[in-house]
């Protein structure tokens, strides 16, 4: 049996951090994932998912992510049923996040505020290290990329590569 979900998208609301009676941290948040195609009107649509993350990662998510933050989620789907106040059975499907990756620097998230429309284009962050909540310190998973020392940066010029140089 396989139950694996990998999502990359933006948070639709600030994470809500709570603690169980035993003191275990749990955070709930929503994520919007753009579809890779446009509809008949040429508009890009998105899918929305509810996510749950536990323990230290829940605390890191609550401390470092907010509405509009770009995040990568690796986890599994889990369904649960409960009876609502009207006595009806409700089924909920959620992503149980096992790993949450912070995909943009904290400075971008902080400067954007809660307006996801002000986020920079993704190509600006190509090659950046990002931030990972899976680490015990919750700090950067590496130094941020220095694009000025990138040997492949060509200032927009085309690169000539002969077929003989390709390994395939």
Protein backbone atom coordinates (compact mmCIF):
# COMPACT_ATOMS: atom_id res chain seq x y z
CA UNK A 1 0.00 0.00 0.00
CA UNK A 2 1.20 3.52 -0.79
CA UNK A 3 -0.09 6.73 0.74
CA UNK A 4 2.29 9.58 -0.11
CA UNK A 5 1.58 13.25 -0.82
CA UNK A 6 4.06 15.89 -1.96
CA UNK A 7 2.78 19.47 -2.32
CA UNK A 8 4.38 22.85 -2.99
CA UNK A 9 2.22 25.90 -2.49
CA UNK A 10 1.41 28.94 -0.40
CA UNK A 11 -0.27 28.97 3.00
CA UNK A 12 -3.85 30.21 2.83
CA UNK A 13 -3.97 31.18 6.50
CA UNK A 14 -1.63 31.59 9.44
CA UNK A 15 -0.82 28.28 11.16
CA UNK A 16 -2.88 27.61 14.28
CA UNK A 17 -0.72 26.09 17.03
CA UNK A 18 -2.35 24.10 19.83
CA UNK A 19 -1.19 21.54 22.37
CA UNK A 20 -2.78 18.20 23.26
CA UNK A 21 -3.55 17.47 26.94
CA UNK A 22 -0.25 15.54 26.99
CA UNK A 23 1.65 18.65 25.82
CA UNK A 24 2.25 17.57 22.20
CA UNK A 25 2.31 20.49 19.75
CA UNK A 26 0.01 20.33 16.71
CA UNK A 27 -0.40 22.99 14.02
CA UNK A 28 -3.16 23.26 11.40
CA UNK A 29 -2.88 25.32 8.24
CA UNK A 30 -4.17 25.44 4.69
CA UNK A 31 -2.14 25.36 1.50
CA UNK A 32 -3.06 26.40 -2.05
CA UNK A 33 -1.38 24.58 -4.93
CA UNK A 34 -1.61 26.00 -8.44
CA UNK A 35 -2.63 23.59 -11.16
CA UNK A 36 -0.04 23.23 -13.96
CA UNK A 37 -2.52 24.22 -16.67
CA UNK A 38 -5.10 26.91 -17.36
CA UNK A 39 -8.83 26.48 -17.77
CA UNK A 40 -10.76 27.29 -20.98
CA UNK A 41 -10.81 30.98 -20.07
CA UNK A 42 -7.00 31.02 -19.73
CA UNK A 43 -7.12 31.36 -15.94
CA UNK A 44 -4.94 29.33 -13.61
CA UNK A 45 -6.87 27.47 -10.92
CA UNK A 46 -5.67 26.16 -7.56
CA UNK A 47 -6.47 23.30 -5.24
CA UNK A 48 -6.76 23.88 -1.49
CA UNK A 49 -5.70 21.37 1.16
CA UNK A 50 -5.86 21.30 4.95
CA UNK A 51 -2.61 20.20 6.59
CA UNK A 52 -1.67 19.02 10.08
CA UNK A 53 1.87 18.86 11.46
CA UNK A 54 2.98 17.59 14.87
CA UNK A 55 5.64 18.14 17.55
CA UNK A 56 8.71 20.33 16.94
CA UNK A 57 7.85 20.86 13.28
CA UNK A 58 4.46 22.23 14.37
CA UNK A 59 6.18 24.80 16.56
CA UNK A 60 8.60 25.73 13.75
CA UNK A 61 5.77 26.11 11.24
CA UNK A 62 3.83 28.33 13.66
CA UNK A 63 6.93 30.44 14.40
CA UNK A 64 8.31 30.89 10.88
CA UNK A 65 5.46 30.57 8.39
CA UNK A 66 2.40 32.71 7.87
CA UNK A 67 -0.28 33.33 5.28
CA UNK A 68 1.33 33.57 1.85
CA UNK A 69 4.55 31.71 2.77
CA UNK A 70 5.83 29.24 0.18
CA UNK A 71 6.23 25.74 1.63
CA UNK A 72 6.86 22.20 0.52
CA UNK A 73 4.88 19.47 2.26
CA UNK A 74 5.74 15.76 2.32
CA UNK A 75 3.29 13.51 4.08
CA UNK A 76 0.25 11.28 3.74
CA UNK A 77 -3.51 11.59 3.47
CA UNK A 78 -5.62 10.70 6.48
CA UNK A 79 -9.39 10.71 6.79
CA UNK A 80 -11.41 11.03 9.96
CA UNK A 81 -15.11 11.15 10.77
CA UNK A 82 -16.99 13.02 13.43
CA UNK A 83 -20.51 14.09 14.22
CA UNK A 84 -21.16 17.84 13.90
CA UNK A 85 -23.44 19.95 16.13
CA UNK A 86 -26.41 19.18 13.89
CA UNK A 87 -25.90 15.44 14.39
CA UNK A 88 -24.61 14.77 10.85
CA UNK A 89 -21.59 12.61 10.09
CA UNK A 90 -18.75 14.66 8.58
CA UNK A 91 -15.73 13.12 6.83
CA UNK A 92 -12.54 15.18 6.66
CA UNK A 93 -9.47 14.35 4.57
CA UNK A 94 -6.26 16.07 5.68
CA UNK A 95 -2.59 15.97 4.78
CA UNK A 96 -0.60 14.67 7.75
CA UNK A 97 2.70 16.46 7.09
CA UNK A 98 5.78 14.46 7.99
CA UNK A 99 8.14 17.12 6.65
CA UNK A 100 7.60 20.82 5.97
CA UNK A 101 10.23 22.67 3.96
CA UNK A 102 10.41 26.47 4.09
CA UNK A 103 11.00 27.43 0.44
CA UNK A 104 11.81 31.11 0.72
CA UNK A 105 13.95 33.19 3.07
CA UNK A 106 12.35 34.54 6.21
CA UNK A 107 13.10 38.09 5.06
CA UNK A 108 10.78 37.64 2.06
CA UNK A 109 7.97 36.27 4.21
CA UNK A 110 8.39 39.06 6.77
CA UNK A 111 8.56 41.85 4.17
CA UNK A 112 5.53 40.57 2.26
CA UNK A 113 3.32 40.69 5.31
CA UNK A 114 0.16 38.69 4.77
CA UNK A 115 -0.32 39.69 1.13
CA UNK A 116 0.72 36.78 -1.11
CA UNK A 117 0.31 38.97 -4.22
CA UNK A 118 3.48 40.85 -3.27
CA UNK A 119 5.71 37.76 -3.44
CA UNK A 120 8.63 37.86 -5.87
CA UNK A 121 8.70 35.58 -8.91
CA UNK A 122 9.91 32.06 -8.20
CA UNK A 123 12.82 32.30 -10.65
CA UNK A 124 14.39 34.90 -8.36
CA UNK A 125 14.91 32.15 -5.77
CA UNK A 126 16.32 29.44 -8.05
CA UNK A 127 19.36 27.94 -6.43
CA UNK A 128 18.62 29.25 -2.95
CA UNK A 129 19.04 26.86 -0.06
CA UNK A 130 15.67 27.60 1.59
CA UNK A 131 14.80 26.80 5.18
CA UNK A 132 13.74 23.50 6.67
CA UNK A 133 11.56 22.97 9.70
CA UNK A 134 12.78 19.39 9.91
CA UNK A 135 15.99 20.45 11.59
CA UNK A 136 16.20 20.54 15.34
CA UNK A 137 17.25 24.18 15.53
CA UNK A 138 14.68 25.38 13.00
CA UNK A 139 17.40 27.49 11.39
CA UNK A 140 18.64 27.66 7.82
CA UNK A 141 19.57 24.32 6.26
CA UNK A 142 22.60 25.99 4.73
CA UNK A 143 24.08 29.31 3.79
CA UNK A 144 22.06 31.29 1.29
CA UNK A 145 23.24 30.96 -2.29
CA UNK A 146 25.65 33.57 -3.58
CA UNK A 147 24.60 34.02 -7.19
CA UNK A 148 27.54 36.34 -7.95
CA UNK A 149 29.92 33.36 -7.61
CA UNK A 150 27.80 31.05 -9.74
CA UNK A 151 29.99 29.69 -12.57
CA UNK A 152 26.87 28.99 -14.62
CA UNK A 153 25.50 32.53 -14.38
CA UNK A 154 25.93 34.03 -17.84
CA UNK A 155 24.17 37.39 -17.53
CA UNK A 156 21.51 36.30 -20.02
CA UNK A 157 23.91 35.26 -22.79
CA UNK A 158 23.31 32.01 -24.64
CA UNK A 159 25.72 29.15 -23.98
CA UNK A 160 27.02 27.09 -26.90
CA UNK A 161 27.30 23.41 -26.05
CA UNK A 162 28.18 20.89 -28.73
CA UNK A 163 26.42 17.55 -28.84
CA UNK A 164 29.77 15.89 -28.14
CA UNK A 165 29.86 17.54 -24.68
CA UNK A 166 26.53 16.03 -23.59
CA UNK A 167 26.67 12.77 -21.62
CA UNK A 168 23.57 11.35 -23.29
